[in-house]
PDB file of N, CA and C in Angstrom:
ATOM      1  N   UNK A   1     -14.690  12.489  -3.363  1.00  0.00           N
ATOM      2  CA  UNK A   1     -13.719  11.483  -3.777  1.00  0.00           C
ATOM      3  C   UNK A   1     -14.357  10.541  -4.796  1.00  0.00           C
ATOM      4  N   UNK A   2     -15.601  10.186  -4.564  1.00  0.00           N
ATOM      5  CA  UNK A   2     -16.290   9.271  -5.474  1.00  0.00           C
ATOM      6  C   UNK A   2     -16.412   9.871  -6.873  1.00  0.00           C
ATOM      7  N   UNK A   3     -16.679  11.165  -6.956  1.00  0.00           N
ATOM      8  CA  UNK A   3     -16.829  11.831  -8.255  1.00  0.00           C
ATOM      9  C   UNK A   3     -15.501  11.880  -9.000  1.00  0.00           C
ATOM     10  N   UNK A   4     -14.435  12.178  -8.283  1.00  0.00           N
ATOM     11  CA  UNK A   4     -13.110  12.291  -8.904  1.00  0.00           C
ATOM     12  C   UNK A   4     -12.553  10.920  -9.276  1.00  0.00           C
ATOM     13  N   UNK A   5     -12.873   9.917  -8.491  1.00  0.00           N
ATOM     14  CA  UNK A   5     -12.418   8.538  -8.716  1.00  0.00           C
ATOM     15  C   UNK A   5     -10.904   8.433  -8.898  1.00  0.00           C
ATOM     16  N   UNK A   6     -10.134   8.850  -7.866  1.00  0.00           N
ATOM     17  CA  UNK A   6      -8.677   8.769  -7.988  1.00  0.00           C
ATOM     18  C   UNK A   6      -8.181   7.326  -7.973  1.00  0.00           C
ATOM     19  N   UNK A   7      -7.010   7.116  -8.587  1.00  0.00           N
ATOM     20  CA  UNK A   7      -6.385   5.784  -8.531  1.00  0.00           C
ATOM     21  C   UNK A   7      -5.764   5.552  -7.166  1.00  0.00           C
ATOM     22  N   UNK A   8      -5.239   6.616  -6.565  1.00  0.00           N
ATOM     23  CA  UNK A   8      -4.693   6.565  -5.209  1.00  0.00           C
ATOM     24  C   UNK A   8      -4.978   7.899  -4.525  1.00  0.00           C
ATOM     25  N   UNK A   9      -4.900   7.882  -3.210  1.00  0.00           N
ATOM     26  CA  UNK A   9      -5.022   9.096  -2.402  1.00  0.00           C
ATOM     27  C   UNK A   9      -3.766   9.195  -1.561  1.00  0.00           C
ATOM     28  N   UNK A  10      -3.156  10.370  -1.539  1.00  0.00           N
ATOM     29  CA  UNK A  10      -2.046  10.641  -0.631  1.00  0.00           C
ATOM     30  C   UNK A  10      -2.624  11.500   0.489  1.00  0.00           C
ATOM     31  N   UNK A  11      -2.713  10.936   1.678  1.00  0.00           N
ATOM     32  CA  UNK A  11      -3.261  11.645   2.830  1.00  0.00           C
ATOM     33  C   UNK A  11      -2.121  12.375   3.528  1.00  0.00           C
ATOM     34  N   UNK A  12      -2.201  13.695   3.552  1.00  0.00           N
ATOM     35  CA  UNK A  12      -1.144  14.509   4.142  1.00  0.00           C
ATOM     36  C   UNK A  12      -1.474  14.852   5.591  1.00  0.00           C
ATOM     37  N   UNK A  13      -0.736  14.259   6.509  1.00  0.00           N
ATOM     38  CA  UNK A  13      -0.899  14.562   7.921  1.00  0.00           C
ATOM     39  C   UNK A  13      -1.832  13.618   8.654  1.00  0.00           C
ATOM     40  N   UNK A  14      -1.814  13.779   9.964  1.00  0.00           N
ATOM     41  CA  UNK A  14      -2.584  12.908  10.831  1.00  0.00           C
ATOM     42  C   UNK A  14      -4.089  12.977  10.672  1.00  0.00           C
ATOM     43  N   UNK A  15      -4.683  14.172  10.712  1.00  0.00           N
ATOM     44  CA  UNK A  15      -6.150  14.227  10.649  1.00  0.00           C
ATOM     45  C   UNK A  15      -6.744  13.570   9.403  1.00  0.00           C
ATOM     46  N   UNK A  16      -6.200  13.874   8.233  1.00  0.00           N
ATOM     47  CA  UNK A  16      -6.758  13.277   7.011  1.00  0.00           C
ATOM     48  C   UNK A  16      -6.482  11.775   6.969  1.00  0.00           C
ATOM     49  N   UNK A  17      -5.312  11.373   7.425  1.00  0.00           N
ATOM     50  CA  UNK A  17      -4.974   9.947   7.435  1.00  0.00           C
ATOM     51  C   UNK A  17      -5.881   9.177   8.383  1.00  0.00           C
ATOM     52  N   UNK A  18      -6.070   9.721   9.579  1.00  0.00           N
ATOM     53  CA  UNK A  18      -6.930   9.053  10.559  1.00  0.00           C
ATOM     54  C   UNK A  18      -8.360   8.940  10.047  1.00  0.00           C
ATOM     55  N   UNK A  19      -8.857  10.009   9.428  1.00  0.00           N
ATOM     56  CA  UNK A  19     -10.226   9.986   8.916  1.00  0.00           C
ATOM     57  C   UNK A  19     -10.385   8.954   7.802  1.00  0.00           C
ATOM     58  N   UNK A  20      -9.520   9.046   6.803  1.00  0.00           N
ATOM     59  CA  UNK A  20      -9.658   8.158   5.647  1.00  0.00           C
ATOM     60  C   UNK A  20      -9.448   6.690   6.003  1.00  0.00           C
ATOM     61  N   UNK A  21      -8.532   6.438   6.918  1.00  0.00           N
ATOM     62  CA  UNK A  21      -8.195   5.055   7.264  1.00  0.00           C
ATOM     63  C   UNK A  21      -8.921   4.556   8.509  1.00  0.00           C
ATOM     64  N   UNK A  22      -9.746   5.410   9.077  1.00  0.00           N
ATOM     65  CA  UNK A  22     -10.497   5.051  10.291  1.00  0.00           C
ATOM     66  C   UNK A  22      -9.545   4.494  11.354  1.00  0.00           C
ATOM     67  N   UNK A  23      -8.466   5.229  11.568  1.00  0.00           N
ATOM     68  CA  UNK A  23      -7.411   4.787  12.475  1.00  0.00           C
ATOM     69  C   UNK A  23      -7.312   5.713  13.677  1.00  0.00           C
ATOM     70  N   UNK A  24      -6.914   5.156  14.793  1.00  0.00           N
ATOM     71  CA  UNK A  24      -6.638   5.961  15.984  1.00  0.00           C
ATOM     72  C   UNK A  24      -5.137   6.182  16.158  1.00  0.00           C
ATOM     73  N   UNK A  25      -4.362   5.484  15.353  1.00  0.00           N
ATOM     74  CA  UNK A  25      -2.905   5.609  15.457  1.00  0.00           C
ATOM     75  C   UNK A  25      -2.448   6.942  14.884  1.00  0.00           C
ATOM     76  N   UNK A  26      -1.341   7.440  15.408  1.00  0.00           N
ATOM     77  CA  UNK A  26      -0.772   8.682  14.919  1.00  0.00           C
ATOM     78  C   UNK A  26      -0.072   8.495  13.579  1.00  0.00           C
ATOM     79  N   UNK A  27       0.200   9.617  12.940  1.00  0.00           N
ATOM     80  CA  UNK A  27       0.810   9.595  11.604  1.00  0.00           C
ATOM     81  C   UNK A  27       2.179   8.919  11.619  1.00  0.00           C
ATOM     82  N   UNK A  28       2.928   9.046  12.701  1.00  0.00           N
ATOM     83  CA  UNK A  28       4.254   8.420  12.734  1.00  0.00           C
ATOM     84  C   UNK A  28       4.164   6.896  12.692  1.00  0.00           C
ATOM     85  N   UNK A  29       3.050   6.338  13.116  1.00  0.00           N
ATOM     86  CA  UNK A  29       2.872   4.882  13.083  1.00  0.00           C
ATOM     87  C   UNK A  29       2.275   4.396  11.765  1.00  0.00           C
ATOM     88  N   UNK A  30       1.410   5.209  11.145  1.00  0.00           N
ATOM     89  CA  UNK A  30       0.710   4.715   9.955  1.00  0.00           C
ATOM     90  C   UNK A  30       1.314   5.182   8.640  1.00  0.00           C
ATOM     91  N   UNK A  31       2.210   6.153   8.676  1.00  0.00           N
ATOM     92  CA  UNK A  31       2.780   6.658   7.425  1.00  0.00           C
ATOM     93  C   UNK A  31       3.584   5.559   6.738  1.00  0.00           C
ATOM     94  N   UNK A  32       3.517   5.584   5.414  1.00  0.00           N
ATOM     95  CA  UNK A  32       4.299   4.628   4.642  1.00  0.00           C
ATOM     96  C   UNK A  32       3.659   3.272   4.433  1.00  0.00           C
ATOM     97  N   UNK A  33       2.498   3.046   5.043  1.00  0.00           N
ATOM     98  CA  UNK A  33       1.802   1.759   4.887  1.00  0.00           C
ATOM     99  C   UNK A  33       0.497   1.992   4.124  1.00  0.00           C
ATOM    100  N   UNK A  34       0.280   1.216   3.101  1.00  0.00           N
ATOM    101  CA  UNK A  34      -0.943   1.355   2.318  1.00  0.00           C
ATOM    102  C   UNK A  34      -2.157   1.018   3.157  1.00  0.00           C
ATOM    103  N   UNK A  35      -3.205   1.823   2.968  1.00  0.00           N
ATOM    104  CA  UNK A  35      -4.511   1.559   3.543  1.00  0.00           C
ATOM    105  C   UNK A  35      -5.527   1.674   2.422  1.00  0.00           C
ATOM    106  N   UNK A  36      -6.787   1.742   2.791  1.00  0.00           N
ATOM    107  CA  UNK A  36      -7.826   1.818   1.768  1.00  0.00           C
ATOM    108  C   UNK A  36      -8.999   2.650   2.267  1.00  0.00           C
ATOM    109  N   UNK A  37      -9.568   3.438   1.369  1.00  0.00           N
ATOM    110  CA  UNK A  37     -10.778   4.202   1.646  1.00  0.00           C
ATOM    111  C   UNK A  37     -11.762   3.960   0.512  1.00  0.00           C
ATOM    112  N   UNK A  38     -12.867   3.315   0.815  1.00  0.00           N
ATOM    113  CA  UNK A  38     -13.887   3.012  -0.203  1.00  0.00           C
ATOM    114  C   UNK A  38     -13.290   2.380  -1.459  1.00  0.00           C
ATOM    115  N   UNK A  39     -12.359   1.458  -1.258  1.00  0.00           N
ATOM    116  CA  UNK A  39     -11.764   0.751  -2.383  1.00  0.00           C
ATOM    117  C   UNK A  39     -10.607   1.460  -3.062  1.00  0.00           C
ATOM    118  N   UNK A  40     -10.252   2.651  -2.583  1.00  0.00           N
ATOM    119  CA  UNK A  40      -9.149   3.417  -3.176  1.00  0.00           C
ATOM    120  C   UNK A  40      -7.927   3.290  -2.265  1.00  0.00           C
ATOM    121  N   UNK A  41      -6.765   2.920  -2.803  1.00  0.00           N
ATOM    122  CA  UNK A  41      -5.559   2.842  -1.985  1.00  0.00           C
ATOM    123  C   UNK A  41      -5.189   4.218  -1.421  1.00  0.00           C
ATOM    124  N   UNK A  42      -4.801   4.236  -0.152  1.00  0.00           N
ATOM    125  CA  UNK A  42      -4.424   5.475   0.533  1.00  0.00           C
ATOM    126  C   UNK A  42      -3.014   5.327   1.082  1.00  0.00           C
ATOM    127  N   UNK A  43      -2.159   6.308   0.771  1.00  0.00           N
ATOM    128  CA  UNK A  43      -0.814   6.355   1.334  1.00  0.00           C
ATOM    129  C   UNK A  43      -0.744   7.540   2.300  1.00  0.00           C
ATOM    130  N   UNK A  44      -0.683   7.272   3.604  1.00  0.00           N
ATOM    131  CA  UNK A  44      -0.530   8.358   4.560  1.00  0.00           C
ATOM    132  C   UNK A  44       0.932   8.788   4.671  1.00  0.00           C
ATOM    133  N   UNK A  45       1.140  10.082   4.781  1.00  0.00           N
ATOM    134  CA  UNK A  45       2.491  10.608   4.978  1.00  0.00           C
ATOM    135  C   UNK A  45       2.394  11.918   5.748  1.00  0.00           C
ATOM    136  N   UNK A  46       3.534  12.467   6.102  1.00  0.00           N
ATOM    137  CA  UNK A  46       3.563  13.709   6.869  1.00  0.00           C
ATOM    138  C   UNK A  46       3.050  14.892   6.055  1.00  0.00           C
ATOM    139  N   UNK A  47       2.446  15.836   6.734  1.00  0.00           N
ATOM    140  CA  UNK A  47       1.995  17.076   6.104  1.00  0.00           C
ATOM    141  C   UNK A  47       3.221  17.961   5.863  1.00  0.00           C
ATOM    142  N   UNK A  48       3.257  18.693   4.742  1.00  0.00           N
ATOM    143  CA  UNK A  48       4.406  19.571   4.469  1.00  0.00           C
ATOM    144  C   UNK A  48       4.707  20.560   5.596  1.00  0.00           C
ATOM    145  N   UNK A  49       3.685  21.073   6.267  1.00  0.00           N
ATOM    146  CA  UNK A  49       3.936  22.029   7.354  1.00  0.00           C
ATOM    147  C   UNK A  49       4.672  21.361   8.516  1.00  0.00           C
ATOM    148  N   UNK A  50       4.442  20.064   8.719  1.00  0.00           N
ATOM    149  CA  UNK A  50       5.145  19.326   9.762  1.00  0.00           C
ATOM    150  C   UNK A  50       6.631  19.249   9.430  1.00  0.00           C
ATOM    151  N   UNK A  51       6.932  19.027   8.159  1.00  0.00           N
ATOM    152  CA  UNK A  51       8.337  18.995   7.733  1.00  0.00           C
ATOM    153  C   UNK A  51       8.993  20.350   7.951  1.00  0.00           C
ATOM    154  N   UNK A  52       8.281  21.421   7.602  1.00  0.00           N
ATOM    155  CA  UNK A  52       8.838  22.765   7.767  1.00  0.00           C
ATOM    156  C   UNK A  52       9.105  23.078   9.234  1.00  0.00           C
ATOM    157  N   UNK A  53       8.222  22.638  10.112  1.00  0.00           N
ATOM    158  CA  UNK A  53       8.406  22.885  11.546  1.00  0.00           C
ATOM    159  C   UNK A  53       9.502  22.008  12.143  1.00  0.00           C
ATOM    160  N   UNK A  54       9.896  20.974  11.427  1.00  0.00           N
ATOM    161  CA  UNK A  54      10.888  20.029  11.944  1.00  0.00           C
ATOM    162  C   UNK A  54      12.136  19.961  11.079  1.00  0.00           C
ATOM    163  N   UNK A  55      12.660  21.105  10.737  1.00  0.00           N
ATOM    164  CA  UNK A  55      13.931  21.151  10.031  1.00  0.00           C
ATOM    165  C   UNK A  55      13.879  21.588   8.589  1.00  0.00           C
ATOM    166  N   UNK A  56      12.700  21.703   8.010  1.00  0.00           N
ATOM    167  CA  UNK A  56      12.584  22.173   6.626  1.00  0.00           C
ATOM    168  C   UNK A  56      13.384  21.320   5.664  1.00  0.00           C
ATOM    169  N   UNK A  57      14.194  21.974   4.835  1.00  0.00           N
ATOM    170  CA  UNK A  57      14.999  21.261   3.839  1.00  0.00           C
ATOM    171  C   UNK A  57      16.001  20.299   4.464  1.00  0.00           C
ATOM    172  N   UNK A  58      16.348  20.531   5.715  1.00  0.00           N
ATOM    173  CA  UNK A  58      17.328  19.681   6.388  1.00  0.00           C
ATOM    174  C   UNK A  58      16.667  18.589   7.236  1.00  0.00           C
ATOM    175  N   UNK A  59      15.350  18.524   7.217  1.00  0.00           N
ATOM    176  CA  UNK A  59      14.635  17.555   8.037  1.00  0.00           C
ATOM    177  C   UNK A  59      14.917  16.120   7.596  1.00  0.00           C
ATOM    178  N   UNK A  60      15.268  15.258   8.538  1.00  0.00           N
ATOM    179  CA  UNK A  60      15.460  13.846   8.193  1.00  0.00           C
ATOM    180  C   UNK A  60      14.144  13.180   7.773  1.00  0.00           C
ATOM    181  N   UNK A  61      13.026  13.810   8.092  1.00  0.00           N
ATOM    182  CA  UNK A  61      11.722  13.259   7.712  1.00  0.00           C
ATOM    183  C   UNK A  61      11.495  13.323   6.207  1.00  0.00           C
ATOM    184  N   UNK A  62      12.245  14.179   5.514  1.00  0.00           N
ATOM    185  CA  UNK A  62      12.106  14.287   4.059  1.00  0.00           C
ATOM    186  C   UNK A  62      12.347  12.941   3.382  1.00  0.00           C
ATOM    187  N   UNK A  63      13.286  12.173   3.883  1.00  0.00           N
ATOM    188  CA  UNK A  63      13.571  10.853   3.298  1.00  0.00           C
ATOM    189  C   UNK A  63      12.368   9.920   3.454  1.00  0.00           C
ATOM    190  N   UNK A  64      11.698  10.015   4.592  1.00  0.00           N
ATOM    191  CA  UNK A  64      10.524   9.175   4.815  1.00  0.00           C
ATOM    192  C   UNK A  64       9.400   9.558   3.854  1.00  0.00           C
ATOM    193  N   UNK A  65       9.185  10.860   3.677  1.00  0.00           N
ATOM    194  CA  UNK A  65       8.150  11.318   2.744  1.00  0.00           C
ATOM    195  C   UNK A  65       8.511  10.889   1.326  1.00  0.00           C
ATOM    196  N   UNK A  66       9.770  11.014   0.963  1.00  0.00           N
ATOM    197  CA  UNK A  66      10.201  10.613  -0.377  1.00  0.00           C
ATOM    198  C   UNK A  66       9.956   9.119  -0.592  1.00  0.00           C
ATOM    199  N   UNK A  67      10.230   8.308   0.428  1.00  0.00           N
ATOM    200  CA  UNK A  67       9.970   6.868   0.323  1.00  0.00           C
ATOM    201  C   UNK A  67       8.476   6.609   0.095  1.00  0.00           C
ATOM    202  N   UNK A  68       7.632   7.376   0.781  1.00  0.00           N
ATOM    203  CA  UNK A  68       6.183   7.231   0.607  1.00  0.00           C
ATOM    204  C   UNK A  68       5.760   7.629  -0.804  1.00  0.00           C
ATOM    205  N   UNK A  69       6.300   8.728  -1.302  1.00  0.00           N
ATOM    206  CA  UNK A  69       5.955   9.207  -2.647  1.00  0.00           C
ATOM    207  C   UNK A  69       6.427   8.207  -3.708  1.00  0.00           C
ATOM    208  N   UNK A  70       7.588   7.608  -3.495  1.00  0.00           N
ATOM    209  CA  UNK A  70       8.060   6.592  -4.444  1.00  0.00           C
ATOM    210  C   UNK A  70       7.094   5.411  -4.507  1.00  0.00           C
ATOM    211  N   UNK A  71       6.538   5.025  -3.367  1.00  0.00           N
ATOM    212  CA  UNK A  71       5.549   3.939  -3.358  1.00  0.00           C
ATOM    213  C   UNK A  71       4.324   4.319  -4.185  1.00  0.00           C
ATOM    214  N   UNK A  72       3.912   5.581  -4.078  1.00  0.00           N
ATOM    215  CA  UNK A  72       2.758   6.063  -4.852  1.00  0.00           C
ATOM    216  C   UNK A  72       3.079   6.038  -6.342  1.00  0.00           C
ATOM    217  N   UNK A  73       4.263   6.521  -6.703  1.00  0.00           N
ATOM    218  CA  UNK A  73       4.659   6.518  -8.112  1.00  0.00           C
ATOM    219  C   UNK A  73       4.685   5.097  -8.670  1.00  0.00           C
ATOM    220  N   UNK A  74       5.260   4.181  -7.911  1.00  0.00           N
ATOM    221  CA  UNK A  74       5.319   2.784  -8.354  1.00  0.00           C
ATOM    222  C   UNK A  74       3.917   2.202  -8.511  1.00  0.00           C
ATOM    223  N   UNK A  75       3.053   2.493  -7.567  1.00  0.00           N
ATOM    224  CA  UNK A  75       1.677   1.959  -7.601  1.00  0.00           C
ATOM    225  C   UNK A  75       0.901   2.469  -8.805  1.00  0.00           C
ATOM    226  N   UNK A  76       1.194   3.709  -9.217  1.00  0.00           N
ATOM    227  CA  UNK A  76       0.468   4.305 -10.343  1.00  0.00           C
ATOM    228  C   UNK A  76       1.180   4.094 -11.670  1.00  0.00           C
ATOM    229  N   UNK A  77       2.295   3.363 -11.653  1.00  0.00           N
ATOM    230  CA  UNK A  77       3.007   3.063 -12.889  1.00  0.00           C
ATOM    231  C   UNK A  77       3.804   4.224 -13.448  1.00  0.00           C
ATOM    232  N   UNK A  78       4.105   5.186 -12.611  1.00  0.00           N
ATOM    233  CA  UNK A  78       4.898   6.342 -13.053  1.00  0.00           C
ATOM    234  C   UNK A  78       6.371   6.099 -12.748  1.00  0.00           C
ATOM    235  N   UNK A  79       7.251   6.701 -13.541  1.00  0.00           N
ATOM    236  CA  UNK A  79       8.682   6.507 -13.287  1.00  0.00           C
ATOM    237  C   UNK A  79       9.106   7.149 -11.970  1.00  0.00           C
ATOM    238  N   UNK A  80      10.018   6.485 -11.302  1.00  0.00           N
ATOM    239  CA  UNK A  80      10.559   6.996 -10.047  1.00  0.00           C
ATOM    240  C   UNK A  80      11.905   7.632 -10.347  1.00  0.00           C
ATOM    241  N   UNK A  81      12.059   8.943 -10.093  1.00  0.00           N
ATOM    242  CA  UNK A  81      13.351   9.594 -10.327  1.00  0.00           C
ATOM    243  C   UNK A  81      14.450   8.938  -9.493  1.00  0.00           C
ATOM    244  N   UNK A  82      15.663   9.021  -9.989  1.00  0.00           N
ATOM    245  CA  UNK A  82      16.803   8.417  -9.296  1.00  0.00           C
ATOM    246  C   UNK A  82      17.019   9.036  -7.922  1.00  0.00           C
ATOM    247  N   UNK A  83      16.736  10.326  -7.789  1.00  0.00           N
ATOM    248  CA  UNK A  83      16.823  10.976  -6.480  1.00  0.00           C
ATOM    249  C   UNK A  83      15.749  12.044  -6.399  1.00  0.00           C
ATOM    250  N   UNK A  84      15.613  12.632  -5.230  1.00  0.00           N
ATOM    251  CA  UNK A  84      14.556  13.609  -5.023  1.00  0.00           C
ATOM    252  C   UNK A  84      14.999  15.028  -5.333  1.00  0.00           C
ATOM    253  N   UNK A  85      16.167  15.190  -5.907  1.00  0.00           N
ATOM    254  CA  UNK A  85      16.661  16.532  -6.200  1.00  0.00           C
ATOM    255  C   UNK A  85      17.553  17.033  -5.091  1.00  0.00           C
ATOM    256  N   UNK A  86      18.220  18.112  -5.345  1.00  0.00           N
ATOM    257  CA  UNK A  86      19.117  18.741  -4.371  1.00  0.00           C
ATOM    258  C   UNK A  86      20.144  17.766  -3.817  1.00  0.00           C
ATOM    259  N   UNK A  87      20.452  16.740  -4.594  1.00  0.00           N
ATOM    260  CA  UNK A  87      21.508  15.823  -4.183  1.00  0.00           C
ATOM    261  C   UNK A  87      21.126  14.811  -3.132  1.00  0.00           C
ATOM    262  N   UNK A  88      19.840  14.692  -2.784  1.00  0.00           N
ATOM    263  CA  UNK A  88      19.425  13.735  -1.748  1.00  0.00           C
ATOM    264  C   UNK A  88      18.921  12.469  -2.346  1.00  0.00           C
TER     265      UNK A  88
END
């Protein structure tokens, strides 16, 4: 991570989020809240495989992940699309 020097890190799933944020809380509690790893902002969110196991394209968790991704886009100064596609 130090070599790459990212502006932000998106931690996908519980294990990576817990490690980077030194947290014991589960992903459902820490997702969507900014944390920090060695001075780099970290946004924890659900792992894509978790979404697939919990409804896939119809999963209500997709909205939560999209909200997290929008926070990342805003933080990095990138434009936020009006919607996430597929009419959602």
